[in-house]
Amino acid sequence: MSVDDKIYEHLASILSYPEEQIREGVEKVHELAPVEVPTLKLLSDYLEGASTKSVEELFTRTFDLNPSCCLEVGWHLYGEDYPSGAFLVNMRQTLAEENLPESPELPDHLSHCLRLLPKLEAEDAEAFARKYILPAVGKILPAMEDENPYTCVLEMLQSLLEGQYGPGDPGDGIGNAKLVELPILDNVLHYNNTEDLQESGKKRR
């Protein structure tokens, strides 16, 4: 499947805490999305009659108050085990290397992962999508309610990634990180805020 990488930036915006620009983001995604993937019609229809406050409340209920649907990739892959903190540090370093600004969200938030994906070389992007993003999305989707307007966003994302890179393949998780152009995980012990990042992750659950 041919995919315009710009679509991941717009999906990242949609999966961030909502601002007024979310409506424009949905329109951009519809313009760029291949015809064979699910549409964002459910979200688009919801946004037509919803106030910004209502959208904010829906986002919070969906992703911030339900750990099964949270958007932190490391949480879904590793829970509160040490590799989750290592992955947070790994992502923070990589975002900095790629000059991608962090938002108030944790470094492994799905929106950060989607903005990073197009920055990687093709082989590394495939590994990142299949071993990290897709397995996390695969855990979030079953916990989402069908009628939730955000469900279609994750369904489209899953379809796009599988069409472009193939199905998810979690493998042995953190041990495969060296296939991706992220800082070598063996060095994260020297990064002095690993525990701080782990604590931040726990506070969000």
N, C-alpha and C. Protein backbone atom coordinates (compact mmCIF):
# COMPACT_ATOMS: atom_id res chain seq x y z
N MET A 1 0.84 -1.19 0.00
CA MET A 1 0.00 0.00 0.00
C MET A 1 0.88 1.25 0.00
N SER A 2 0.57 2.18 -0.86
CA SER A 2 1.30 3.44 -0.91
C SER A 2 0.67 4.41 0.09
N VAL A 3 1.51 4.93 0.99
CA VAL A 3 1.02 5.82 2.04
C VAL A 3 1.84 7.10 2.05
N ASP A 4 1.17 8.24 2.06
CA ASP A 4 1.84 9.53 2.20
C ASP A 4 2.20 9.70 3.67
N ASP A 5 3.50 9.82 3.96
CA ASP A 5 3.95 9.89 5.36
C ASP A 5 3.36 11.08 6.12
N LYS A 6 2.89 12.09 5.40
CA LYS A 6 2.31 13.25 6.08
C LYS A 6 1.08 12.87 6.89
N ILE A 7 0.44 11.76 6.52
CA ILE A 7 -0.77 11.35 7.22
C ILE A 7 -0.49 11.02 8.68
N TYR A 8 0.74 10.55 8.96
CA TYR A 8 1.07 10.18 10.34
C TYR A 8 1.17 11.41 11.24
N GLU A 9 1.61 12.53 10.69
CA GLU A 9 1.65 13.78 11.45
C GLU A 9 0.23 14.21 11.83
N HIS A 10 -0.70 14.11 10.89
CA HIS A 10 -2.08 14.50 11.17
C HIS A 10 -2.74 13.54 12.15
N LEU A 11 -2.46 12.25 12.03
CA LEU A 11 -2.99 11.29 12.98
C LEU A 11 -2.41 11.53 14.37
N ALA A 12 -1.14 11.92 14.41
CA ALA A 12 -0.51 12.24 15.70
C ALA A 12 -1.23 13.41 16.36
N SER A 13 -1.60 14.42 15.57
CA SER A 13 -2.32 15.57 16.12
C SER A 13 -3.69 15.17 16.64
N ILE A 14 -4.37 14.30 15.89
CA ILE A 14 -5.70 13.84 16.31
C ILE A 14 -5.62 13.03 17.60
N LEU A 15 -4.53 12.31 17.79
CA LEU A 15 -4.36 11.48 18.97
C LEU A 15 -3.62 12.21 20.10
N SER A 16 -3.50 13.52 19.97
CA SER A 16 -2.99 14.38 21.03
C SER A 16 -4.18 15.04 21.72
N TYR A 17 -3.93 15.64 22.91
CA TYR A 17 -5.03 16.33 23.59
C TYR A 17 -5.64 17.33 22.63
N PRO A 18 -6.95 17.26 22.43
CA PRO A 18 -7.58 18.00 21.32
C PRO A 18 -7.53 19.52 21.45
N GLU A 19 -7.28 20.14 20.32
CA GLU A 19 -7.38 21.58 20.17
C GLU A 19 -8.32 21.84 19.00
N GLU A 20 -8.58 23.09 18.73
CA GLU A 20 -9.52 23.44 17.66
C GLU A 20 -9.10 22.86 16.31
N GLN A 21 -7.78 22.67 16.13
CA GLN A 21 -7.25 22.20 14.85
C GLN A 21 -7.59 20.74 14.56
N ILE A 22 -8.22 20.04 15.50
CA ILE A 22 -8.51 18.63 15.28
C ILE A 22 -9.43 18.45 14.06
N ARG A 23 -10.31 19.38 13.83
CA ARG A 23 -11.23 19.28 12.69
C ARG A 23 -10.46 19.38 11.38
N GLU A 24 -9.50 20.28 11.33
CA GLU A 24 -8.66 20.40 10.13
C GLU A 24 -7.82 19.15 9.94
N GLY A 25 -7.35 18.58 11.04
CA GLY A 25 -6.56 17.36 10.96
C GLY A 25 -7.35 16.21 10.37
N VAL A 26 -8.60 16.09 10.76
CA VAL A 26 -9.46 15.02 10.22
C VAL A 26 -9.65 15.21 8.72
N GLU A 27 -9.85 16.44 8.30
CA GLU A 27 -10.00 16.72 6.86
C GLU A 27 -8.74 16.35 6.09
N LYS A 28 -7.58 16.69 6.64
CA LYS A 28 -6.31 16.38 5.98
C LYS A 28 -6.11 14.87 5.86
N VAL A 29 -6.48 14.15 6.92
CA VAL A 29 -6.35 12.69 6.88
C VAL A 29 -7.23 12.11 5.79
N HIS A 30 -8.45 12.61 5.67
CA HIS A 30 -9.35 12.11 4.62
C HIS A 30 -8.78 12.37 3.23
N GLU A 31 -8.09 13.49 3.07
CA GLU A 31 -7.50 13.81 1.77
C GLU A 31 -6.34 12.88 1.43
N LEU A 32 -5.59 12.45 2.45
CA LEU A 32 -4.37 11.67 2.22
C LEU A 32 -4.58 10.16 2.32
N ALA A 33 -5.65 9.73 2.95
CA ALA A 33 -5.83 8.30 3.23
C ALA A 33 -6.11 7.49 1.96
N PRO A 34 -5.45 6.35 1.79
CA PRO A 34 -5.78 5.45 0.68
C PRO A 34 -7.24 4.99 0.80
N VAL A 35 -7.86 4.69 -0.32
CA VAL A 35 -9.29 4.34 -0.30
C VAL A 35 -9.56 3.03 0.42
N GLU A 36 -8.55 2.17 0.54
CA GLU A 36 -8.80 0.84 1.12
C GLU A 36 -8.75 0.80 2.65
N VAL A 37 -8.48 1.92 3.31
CA VAL A 37 -8.41 1.91 4.77
C VAL A 37 -9.71 2.46 5.35
N PRO A 38 -10.02 2.12 6.63
CA PRO A 38 -11.22 2.66 7.27
C PRO A 38 -11.17 4.19 7.30
N THR A 39 -12.34 4.80 7.26
CA THR A 39 -12.41 6.27 7.27
C THR A 39 -12.57 6.79 8.70
N LEU A 40 -12.50 8.10 8.84
CA LEU A 40 -12.72 8.74 10.13
C LEU A 40 -14.12 9.36 10.19
N LYS A 41 -15.06 8.77 9.48
CA LYS A 41 -16.41 9.34 9.40
C LYS A 41 -17.06 9.47 10.79
N LEU A 42 -16.89 8.45 11.63
CA LEU A 42 -17.50 8.49 12.95
C LEU A 42 -17.00 9.69 13.74
N LEU A 43 -15.69 9.92 13.70
CA LEU A 43 -15.13 11.07 14.40
C LEU A 43 -15.55 12.37 13.74
N SER A 44 -15.53 12.39 12.42
CA SER A 44 -15.92 13.59 11.69
C SER A 44 -17.36 13.99 12.01
N ASP A 45 -18.26 13.01 12.03
CA ASP A 45 -19.67 13.29 12.34
C ASP A 45 -19.80 13.80 13.78
N TYR A 46 -19.04 13.20 14.69
CA TYR A 46 -19.10 13.63 16.09
C TYR A 46 -18.64 15.08 16.24
N LEU A 47 -17.56 15.44 15.55
CA LEU A 47 -16.99 16.78 15.69
C LEU A 47 -17.92 17.86 15.16
N GLU A 48 -18.79 17.52 14.22
CA GLU A 48 -19.69 18.52 13.65
C GLU A 48 -20.58 19.17 14.69
N GLY A 49 -21.01 18.38 15.67
CA GLY A 49 -21.93 18.94 16.65
C GLY A 49 -21.37 19.05 18.05
N ALA A 50 -20.08 18.81 18.21
CA ALA A 50 -19.48 18.79 19.54
C ALA A 50 -18.70 20.07 19.83
N SER A 51 -18.79 20.54 21.06
CA SER A 51 -17.99 21.68 21.47
C SER A 51 -16.57 21.22 21.77
N THR A 52 -15.65 22.18 21.80
CA THR A 52 -14.26 21.84 22.12
C THR A 52 -14.17 21.18 23.49
N LYS A 53 -14.94 21.68 24.45
CA LYS A 53 -14.94 21.11 25.79
C LYS A 53 -15.41 19.66 25.78
N SER A 54 -16.43 19.37 24.99
CA SER A 54 -16.94 18.00 24.90
C SER A 54 -15.90 17.06 24.31
N VAL A 55 -15.17 17.54 23.31
CA VAL A 55 -14.13 16.72 22.70
C VAL A 55 -13.01 16.47 23.70
N GLU A 56 -12.64 17.49 24.45
CA GLU A 56 -11.60 17.34 25.47
C GLU A 56 -12.02 16.30 26.52
N GLU A 57 -13.28 16.37 26.94
CA GLU A 57 -13.77 15.43 27.94
C GLU A 57 -13.79 14.00 27.39
N LEU A 58 -14.18 13.85 26.13
CA LEU A 58 -14.18 12.52 25.51
C LEU A 58 -12.77 11.96 25.43
N PHE A 59 -11.82 12.78 25.03
CA PHE A 59 -10.43 12.35 24.93
C PHE A 59 -9.92 11.89 26.30
N THR A 60 -10.21 12.68 27.33
CA THR A 60 -9.75 12.34 28.68
C THR A 60 -10.37 11.04 29.17
N ARG A 61 -11.69 10.89 28.98
CA ARG A 61 -12.36 9.65 29.41
C ARG A 61 -11.81 8.45 28.67
N THR A 62 -11.54 8.64 27.40
CA THR A 62 -11.12 7.51 26.57
C THR A 62 -9.70 7.07 26.86
N PHE A 63 -8.78 8.02 26.90
CA PHE A 63 -7.36 7.64 26.93
C PHE A 63 -6.66 7.89 28.26
N ASP A 64 -7.13 8.83 29.05
CA ASP A 64 -6.42 9.17 30.29
C ASP A 64 -6.98 8.46 31.52
N LEU A 65 -8.26 8.10 31.50
CA LEU A 65 -8.88 7.49 32.66
C LEU A 65 -9.00 5.97 32.57
N ASN A 66 -8.62 5.42 31.45
CA ASN A 66 -8.70 3.97 31.26
C ASN A 66 -7.33 3.43 30.87
N PRO A 67 -6.62 2.79 31.79
CA PRO A 67 -5.27 2.30 31.47
C PRO A 67 -5.22 1.37 30.25
N SER A 68 -6.29 0.65 30.00
CA SER A 68 -6.30 -0.28 28.86
C SER A 68 -6.28 0.45 27.52
N CYS A 69 -6.67 1.73 27.54
CA CYS A 69 -6.72 2.51 26.30
C CYS A 69 -5.70 3.64 26.28
N CYS A 70 -4.81 3.69 27.26
CA CYS A 70 -3.84 4.79 27.27
C CYS A 70 -2.97 4.73 26.02
N LEU A 71 -2.38 5.85 25.67
CA LEU A 71 -1.63 5.95 24.42
C LEU A 71 -0.12 5.88 24.60
N GLU A 72 0.34 5.43 25.76
CA GLU A 72 1.77 5.24 25.97
C GLU A 72 2.17 3.85 25.49
N VAL A 73 2.98 3.80 24.46
CA VAL A 73 3.35 2.53 23.82
C VAL A 73 4.08 1.62 24.80
N GLY A 74 5.03 2.17 25.55
CA GLY A 74 5.81 1.35 26.47
C GLY A 74 4.96 0.68 27.53
N TRP A 75 3.91 1.36 27.99
CA TRP A 75 3.02 0.78 29.00
C TRP A 75 2.38 -0.50 28.49
N HIS A 76 1.93 -0.47 27.24
CA HIS A 76 1.27 -1.66 26.68
C HIS A 76 2.25 -2.79 26.42
N LEU A 77 3.49 -2.45 26.13
CA LEU A 77 4.47 -3.49 25.83
C LEU A 77 5.11 -4.07 27.09
N TYR A 78 5.33 -3.24 28.10
CA TYR A 78 6.13 -3.67 29.25
C TYR A 78 5.49 -3.42 30.61
N GLY A 79 4.33 -2.76 30.67
CA GLY A 79 3.74 -2.44 31.96
C GLY A 79 4.66 -1.53 32.76
N GLU A 80 4.84 -1.83 34.04
CA GLU A 80 5.70 -1.01 34.89
C GLU A 80 7.08 -1.64 35.08
N ASP A 81 7.40 -2.67 34.30
CA ASP A 81 8.71 -3.31 34.40
C ASP A 81 9.81 -2.34 33.95
N TYR A 82 11.05 -2.65 34.30
CA TYR A 82 12.17 -1.78 33.96
C TYR A 82 12.25 -1.43 32.47
N PRO A 83 12.03 -2.40 31.55
CA PRO A 83 12.14 -2.04 30.12
C PRO A 83 11.24 -0.88 29.72
N SER A 84 10.12 -0.68 30.42
CA SER A 84 9.25 0.45 30.09
C SER A 84 9.98 1.77 30.32
N GLY A 85 10.71 1.88 31.45
CA GLY A 85 11.48 3.08 31.72
C GLY A 85 12.62 3.24 30.73
N ALA A 86 13.24 2.12 30.35
CA ALA A 86 14.31 2.17 29.37
C ALA A 86 13.79 2.66 28.02
N PHE A 87 12.59 2.21 27.67
CA PHE A 87 12.00 2.63 26.41
C PHE A 87 11.67 4.12 26.44
N LEU A 88 11.20 4.62 27.59
CA LEU A 88 10.93 6.06 27.72
C LEU A 88 12.19 6.87 27.48
N VAL A 89 13.28 6.46 28.10
CA VAL A 89 14.55 7.17 27.93
C VAL A 89 15.01 7.09 26.49
N ASN A 90 14.88 5.90 25.93
CA ASN A 90 15.25 5.67 24.53
C ASN A 90 14.51 6.63 23.61
N MET A 91 13.21 6.74 23.82
CA MET A 91 12.39 7.62 22.99
C MET A 91 12.77 9.08 23.20
N ARG A 92 12.99 9.48 24.45
CA ARG A 92 13.34 10.89 24.71
C ARG A 92 14.63 11.26 23.98
N GLN A 93 15.63 10.40 24.04
CA GLN A 93 16.89 10.68 23.36
C GLN A 93 16.70 10.75 21.85
N THR A 94 15.88 9.85 21.34
CA THR A 94 15.68 9.80 19.88
C THR A 94 14.90 11.01 19.39
N LEU A 95 13.89 11.43 20.13
CA LEU A 95 13.15 12.63 19.76
C LEU A 95 14.07 13.84 19.71
N ALA A 96 14.97 13.91 20.67
CA ALA A 96 15.93 15.03 20.70
C ALA A 96 16.86 14.97 19.49
N GLU A 97 17.33 13.77 19.17
CA GLU A 97 18.23 13.61 18.02
C GLU A 97 17.56 14.01 16.72
N GLU A 98 16.27 13.77 16.62
CA GLU A 98 15.53 14.08 15.39
C GLU A 98 14.90 15.47 15.43
N ASN A 99 15.23 16.23 16.47
CA ASN A 99 14.70 17.60 16.63
C ASN A 99 13.17 17.62 16.64
N LEU A 100 12.59 16.60 17.27
CA LEU A 100 11.14 16.55 17.44
C LEU A 100 10.81 17.01 18.85
N PRO A 101 10.05 18.08 19.00
CA PRO A 101 9.75 18.60 20.34
C PRO A 101 8.84 17.65 21.11
N GLU A 102 9.08 17.55 22.41
CA GLU A 102 8.18 16.79 23.26
C GLU A 102 6.99 17.65 23.63
N SER A 103 5.86 16.99 23.78
CA SER A 103 4.66 17.65 24.27
C SER A 103 4.57 17.38 25.77
N PRO A 104 3.50 17.81 26.43
CA PRO A 104 3.36 17.46 27.85
C PRO A 104 3.22 15.95 28.08
N GLU A 105 2.97 15.19 26.99
CA GLU A 105 2.84 13.74 27.13
C GLU A 105 4.21 13.11 27.34
N LEU A 106 4.22 11.86 27.80
CA LEU A 106 5.46 11.13 27.96
C LEU A 106 6.11 10.86 26.61
N PRO A 107 7.41 10.62 26.58
CA PRO A 107 8.12 10.44 25.30
C PRO A 107 7.61 9.28 24.45
N ASP A 108 7.03 8.24 25.10
CA ASP A 108 6.57 7.08 24.33
C ASP A 108 5.11 7.20 23.93
N HIS A 109 4.51 8.37 24.10
CA HIS A 109 3.12 8.57 23.68
C HIS A 109 2.99 8.27 22.20
N LEU A 110 1.86 7.69 21.81
CA LEU A 110 1.67 7.30 20.42
C LEU A 110 1.85 8.47 19.46
N SER A 111 1.47 9.66 19.85
CA SER A 111 1.64 10.82 18.97
C SER A 111 3.12 11.07 18.67
N HIS A 112 4.00 10.90 19.67
CA HIS A 112 5.43 11.05 19.43
C HIS A 112 5.95 9.96 18.50
N CYS A 113 5.48 8.74 18.72
CA CYS A 113 5.93 7.62 17.88
C CYS A 113 5.55 7.84 16.42
N LEU A 114 4.36 8.38 16.20
CA LEU A 114 3.90 8.60 14.83
C LEU A 114 4.67 9.73 14.15
N ARG A 115 5.09 10.72 14.92
CA ARG A 115 5.90 11.79 14.33
C ARG A 115 7.33 11.33 14.05
N LEU A 116 7.79 10.38 14.85
CA LEU A 116 9.13 9.85 14.65
C LEU A 116 9.19 8.91 13.45
N LEU A 117 8.15 8.15 13.23
CA LEU A 117 8.15 7.09 12.21
C LEU A 117 8.66 7.55 10.84
N PRO A 118 8.16 8.66 10.27
CA PRO A 118 8.64 9.07 8.95
C PRO A 118 10.09 9.55 8.93
N LYS A 119 10.67 9.80 10.10
CA LYS A 119 12.05 10.27 10.19
C LYS A 119 13.05 9.12 10.04
N LEU A 120 12.58 7.90 10.25
CA LEU A 120 13.47 6.74 10.23
C LEU A 120 13.71 6.24 8.81
N GLU A 121 14.84 5.59 8.63
CA GLU A 121 15.10 4.91 7.36
C GLU A 121 14.06 3.82 7.17
N ALA A 122 13.81 3.44 5.91
CA ALA A 122 12.71 2.52 5.60
C ALA A 122 12.76 1.23 6.42
N GLU A 123 13.93 0.61 6.51
CA GLU A 123 14.05 -0.66 7.24
C GLU A 123 13.77 -0.46 8.72
N ASP A 124 14.27 0.65 9.27
CA ASP A 124 14.07 0.92 10.69
C ASP A 124 12.62 1.32 10.97
N ALA A 125 12.00 2.04 10.04
CA ALA A 125 10.60 2.41 10.20
C ALA A 125 9.73 1.16 10.25
N GLU A 126 10.04 0.19 9.39
CA GLU A 126 9.28 -1.07 9.40
C GLU A 126 9.42 -1.79 10.73
N ALA A 127 10.66 -1.85 11.23
CA ALA A 127 10.90 -2.52 12.52
C ALA A 127 10.18 -1.79 13.64
N PHE A 128 10.23 -0.46 13.63
CA PHE A 128 9.60 0.34 14.68
C PHE A 128 8.08 0.15 14.65
N ALA A 129 7.51 0.16 13.44
CA ALA A 129 6.06 0.00 13.31
C ALA A 129 5.62 -1.39 13.74
N ARG A 130 6.33 -2.41 13.29
CA ARG A 130 5.88 -3.79 13.53
C ARG A 130 6.18 -4.28 14.94
N LYS A 131 7.27 -3.83 15.54
CA LYS A 131 7.66 -4.35 16.85
C LYS A 131 7.20 -3.48 18.02
N TYR A 132 6.79 -2.26 17.74
CA TYR A 132 6.41 -1.35 18.82
C TYR A 132 5.01 -0.77 18.62
N ILE A 133 4.81 -0.04 17.53
CA ILE A 133 3.54 0.67 17.39
C ILE A 133 2.37 -0.29 17.19
N LEU A 134 2.48 -1.21 16.24
CA LEU A 134 1.37 -2.11 15.96
C LEU A 134 1.00 -3.00 17.15
N PRO A 135 1.97 -3.60 17.86
CA PRO A 135 1.57 -4.39 19.03
C PRO A 135 0.84 -3.57 20.09
N ALA A 136 1.25 -2.30 20.27
CA ALA A 136 0.56 -1.45 21.24
C ALA A 136 -0.86 -1.13 20.77
N VAL A 137 -1.00 -0.75 19.51
CA VAL A 137 -2.34 -0.46 18.96
C VAL A 137 -3.22 -1.71 19.05
N GLY A 138 -2.61 -2.87 18.82
CA GLY A 138 -3.35 -4.12 18.90
C GLY A 138 -3.87 -4.43 20.29
N LYS A 139 -3.26 -3.85 21.32
CA LYS A 139 -3.75 -4.01 22.68
C LYS A 139 -4.79 -2.95 23.05
N ILE A 140 -4.67 -1.79 22.46
CA ILE A 140 -5.61 -0.71 22.76
C ILE A 140 -6.98 -0.97 22.13
N LEU A 141 -6.99 -1.38 20.87
CA LEU A 141 -8.24 -1.49 20.12
C LEU A 141 -9.29 -2.40 20.78
N PRO A 142 -8.93 -3.58 21.29
CA PRO A 142 -9.97 -4.43 21.90
C PRO A 142 -10.63 -3.80 23.11
N ALA A 143 -9.97 -2.85 23.74
CA ALA A 143 -10.53 -2.19 24.92
C ALA A 143 -11.39 -0.98 24.56
N MET A 144 -11.37 -0.58 23.30
CA MET A 144 -12.15 0.57 22.86
C MET A 144 -13.59 0.16 22.57
N GLU A 145 -14.53 1.04 22.86
CA GLU A 145 -15.93 0.79 22.53
C GLU A 145 -16.17 1.13 21.06
N ASP A 146 -16.94 0.29 20.39
CA ASP A 146 -17.19 0.47 18.96
C ASP A 146 -17.76 1.85 18.65
N GLU A 147 -18.62 2.36 19.54
CA GLU A 147 -19.28 3.64 19.26
C GLU A 147 -18.44 4.84 19.63
N ASN A 148 -17.28 4.61 20.23
CA ASN A 148 -16.40 5.73 20.58
C ASN A 148 -15.83 6.34 19.30
N PRO A 149 -15.98 7.66 19.09
CA PRO A 149 -15.50 8.29 17.86
C PRO A 149 -14.01 8.11 17.61
N TYR A 150 -13.23 7.88 18.66
CA TYR A 150 -11.79 7.71 18.48
C TYR A 150 -11.41 6.31 18.02
N THR A 151 -12.33 5.37 18.11
CA THR A 151 -12.02 4.00 17.70
C THR A 151 -11.63 3.94 16.23
N CYS A 152 -12.33 4.71 15.40
CA CYS A 152 -12.04 4.68 13.96
C CYS A 152 -10.64 5.22 13.66
N VAL A 153 -10.12 6.09 14.51
CA VAL A 153 -8.76 6.62 14.30
C VAL A 153 -7.74 5.50 14.46
N LEU A 154 -7.90 4.72 15.51
CA LEU A 154 -6.97 3.61 15.75
C LEU A 154 -7.13 2.51 14.72
N GLU A 155 -8.36 2.30 14.25
CA GLU A 155 -8.59 1.31 13.20
C GLU A 155 -7.91 1.74 11.90
N MET A 156 -8.02 3.03 11.57
CA MET A 156 -7.33 3.51 10.37
C MET A 156 -5.83 3.39 10.53
N LEU A 157 -5.31 3.77 11.69
CA LEU A 157 -3.86 3.70 11.92
C LEU A 157 -3.37 2.27 11.77
N GLN A 158 -4.07 1.33 12.37
CA GLN A 158 -3.67 -0.07 12.27
C GLN A 158 -3.66 -0.53 10.81
N SER A 159 -4.69 -0.17 10.06
CA SER A 159 -4.78 -0.56 8.66
C SER A 159 -3.66 0.07 7.83
N LEU A 160 -3.37 1.34 8.08
CA LEU A 160 -2.29 2.02 7.35
C LEU A 160 -0.94 1.36 7.60
N LEU A 161 -0.64 1.11 8.88
CA LEU A 161 0.66 0.53 9.24
C LEU A 161 0.80 -0.89 8.70
N GLU A 162 -0.25 -1.69 8.80
CA GLU A 162 -0.18 -3.05 8.28
C GLU A 162 -0.07 -3.06 6.76
N GLY A 163 -0.76 -2.12 6.11
CA GLY A 163 -0.69 -2.05 4.66
C GLY A 163 0.67 -1.60 4.16
N GLN A 164 1.33 -0.73 4.94
CA GLN A 164 2.63 -0.21 4.54
C GLN A 164 3.79 -1.09 4.98
N TYR A 165 3.69 -1.67 6.19
CA TYR A 165 4.84 -2.37 6.76
C TYR A 165 4.61 -3.85 7.04
N GLY A 166 3.37 -4.31 7.01
CA GLY A 166 3.09 -5.70 7.35
C GLY A 166 2.53 -5.79 8.76
N PRO A 167 2.12 -6.99 9.18
CA PRO A 167 1.48 -7.15 10.49
C PRO A 167 2.44 -6.93 11.63
N GLY A 168 1.88 -6.66 12.80
CA GLY A 168 2.70 -6.47 13.98
C GLY A 168 3.46 -7.72 14.35
N ASP A 169 4.65 -7.53 14.86
CA ASP A 169 5.52 -8.65 15.24
C ASP A 169 6.28 -8.25 16.49
N PRO A 170 5.69 -8.45 17.69
CA PRO A 170 6.35 -7.97 18.91
C PRO A 170 7.66 -8.67 19.19
N GLY A 171 7.86 -9.90 18.71
CA GLY A 171 9.12 -10.61 18.92
C GLY A 171 9.47 -10.65 20.39
N ASP A 172 10.72 -10.33 20.72
CA ASP A 172 11.11 -10.29 22.14
C ASP A 172 11.24 -8.86 22.63
N GLY A 173 10.47 -7.96 22.00
CA GLY A 173 10.34 -6.59 22.51
C GLY A 173 11.63 -5.83 22.58
N ILE A 174 12.00 -5.43 23.78
CA ILE A 174 13.10 -4.50 23.98
C ILE A 174 14.41 -5.02 23.42
N GLY A 175 14.57 -6.34 23.36
CA GLY A 175 15.81 -6.89 22.84
C GLY A 175 16.00 -6.61 21.37
N ASN A 176 14.93 -6.31 20.68
CA ASN A 176 15.02 -6.05 19.25
C ASN A 176 15.18 -4.57 18.94
N ALA A 177 15.31 -3.74 19.96
CA ALA A 177 15.37 -2.30 19.72
C ALA A 177 16.57 -1.91 18.88
N LYS A 178 17.61 -2.73 18.85
CA LYS A 178 18.80 -2.38 18.08
C LYS A 178 18.54 -2.46 16.58
N LEU A 179 17.40 -3.03 16.20
CA LEU A 179 17.03 -3.03 14.79
C LEU A 179 16.54 -1.65 14.36
N VAL A 180 16.22 -0.83 15.33
CA VAL A 180 15.69 0.49 15.07
C VAL A 180 16.74 1.53 15.41
N GLU A 181 16.78 2.62 14.69
CA GLU A 181 17.78 3.64 14.95
C GLU A 181 17.40 4.48 16.17
N LEU A 182 17.39 3.82 17.31
CA LEU A 182 17.21 4.49 18.59
C LEU A 182 18.52 4.36 19.35
N PRO A 183 18.76 5.20 20.36
CA PRO A 183 19.99 5.05 21.13
C PRO A 183 20.09 3.63 21.69
N ILE A 184 21.29 3.09 21.74
CA ILE A 184 21.48 1.72 22.20
C ILE A 184 21.03 1.59 23.65
N LEU A 185 20.14 0.64 23.90
CA LEU A 185 19.53 0.53 25.21
C LEU A 185 20.52 0.13 26.29
N ASP A 186 21.63 -0.50 25.93
CA ASP A 186 22.62 -0.87 26.93
C ASP A 186 23.18 0.36 27.63
N ASN A 187 23.05 1.53 27.02
CA ASN A 187 23.63 2.73 27.60
C ASN A 187 22.67 3.52 28.47
N VAL A 188 21.41 3.09 28.55
CA VAL A 188 20.45 3.93 29.24
C VAL A 188 20.69 3.96 30.74
N LEU A 189 21.43 3.00 31.27
CA LEU A 189 21.72 3.03 32.70
C LEU A 189 22.51 4.26 33.09
N HIS A 190 23.20 4.86 32.12
CA HIS A 190 24.00 6.04 32.39
C HIS A 190 23.18 7.32 32.27
N TYR A 191 21.93 7.17 31.89
CA TYR A 191 21.05 8.33 31.71
C TYR A 191 20.31 8.54 33.02
N ASN A 192 20.57 9.63 33.72
CA ASN A 192 20.22 9.73 35.13
C ASN A 192 18.76 9.99 35.44
N ASN A 193 17.90 10.10 34.43
CA ASN A 193 16.50 10.34 34.79
C ASN A 193 15.61 9.15 34.45
N THR A 194 16.17 7.96 34.33
CA THR A 194 15.35 6.79 34.05
C THR A 194 14.27 6.60 35.11
N GLU A 195 14.65 6.71 36.39
CA GLU A 195 13.68 6.50 37.45
C GLU A 195 12.61 7.58 37.45
N ASP A 196 13.00 8.80 37.12
CA ASP A 196 12.02 9.89 37.06
C ASP A 196 10.98 9.61 35.99
N LEU A 197 11.43 9.13 34.84
CA LEU A 197 10.50 8.83 33.76
C LEU A 197 9.58 7.68 34.14
N GLN A 198 10.13 6.66 34.82
CA GLN A 198 9.30 5.56 35.25
C GLN A 198 8.22 6.03 36.21
N GLU A 199 8.60 6.91 37.15
CA GLU A 199 7.64 7.44 38.09
C GLU A 199 6.56 8.25 37.40
N SER A 200 6.97 9.01 36.37
CA SER A 200 5.98 9.79 35.60
C SER A 200 4.97 8.87 34.95
N GLY A 201 5.46 7.76 34.41
CA GLY A 201 4.57 6.80 33.78
C GLY A 201 3.59 6.22 34.76
N LYS A 202 4.05 5.90 35.98
CA LYS A 202 3.16 5.32 37.00
C LYS A 202 2.07 6.30 37.41
N LYS A 203 2.43 7.58 37.50
CA LYS A 203 1.46 8.58 37.94
C LYS A 203 0.32 8.73 36.94
N ARG A 204 0.57 8.37 35.66
CA ARG A 204 -0.46 8.53 34.65
C ARG A 204 -1.40 7.34 34.61
N ARG A 205 -1.05 6.23 35.31
CA ARG A 205 -1.93 5.06 35.27
C ARG A 205 -2.98 5.17 36.35
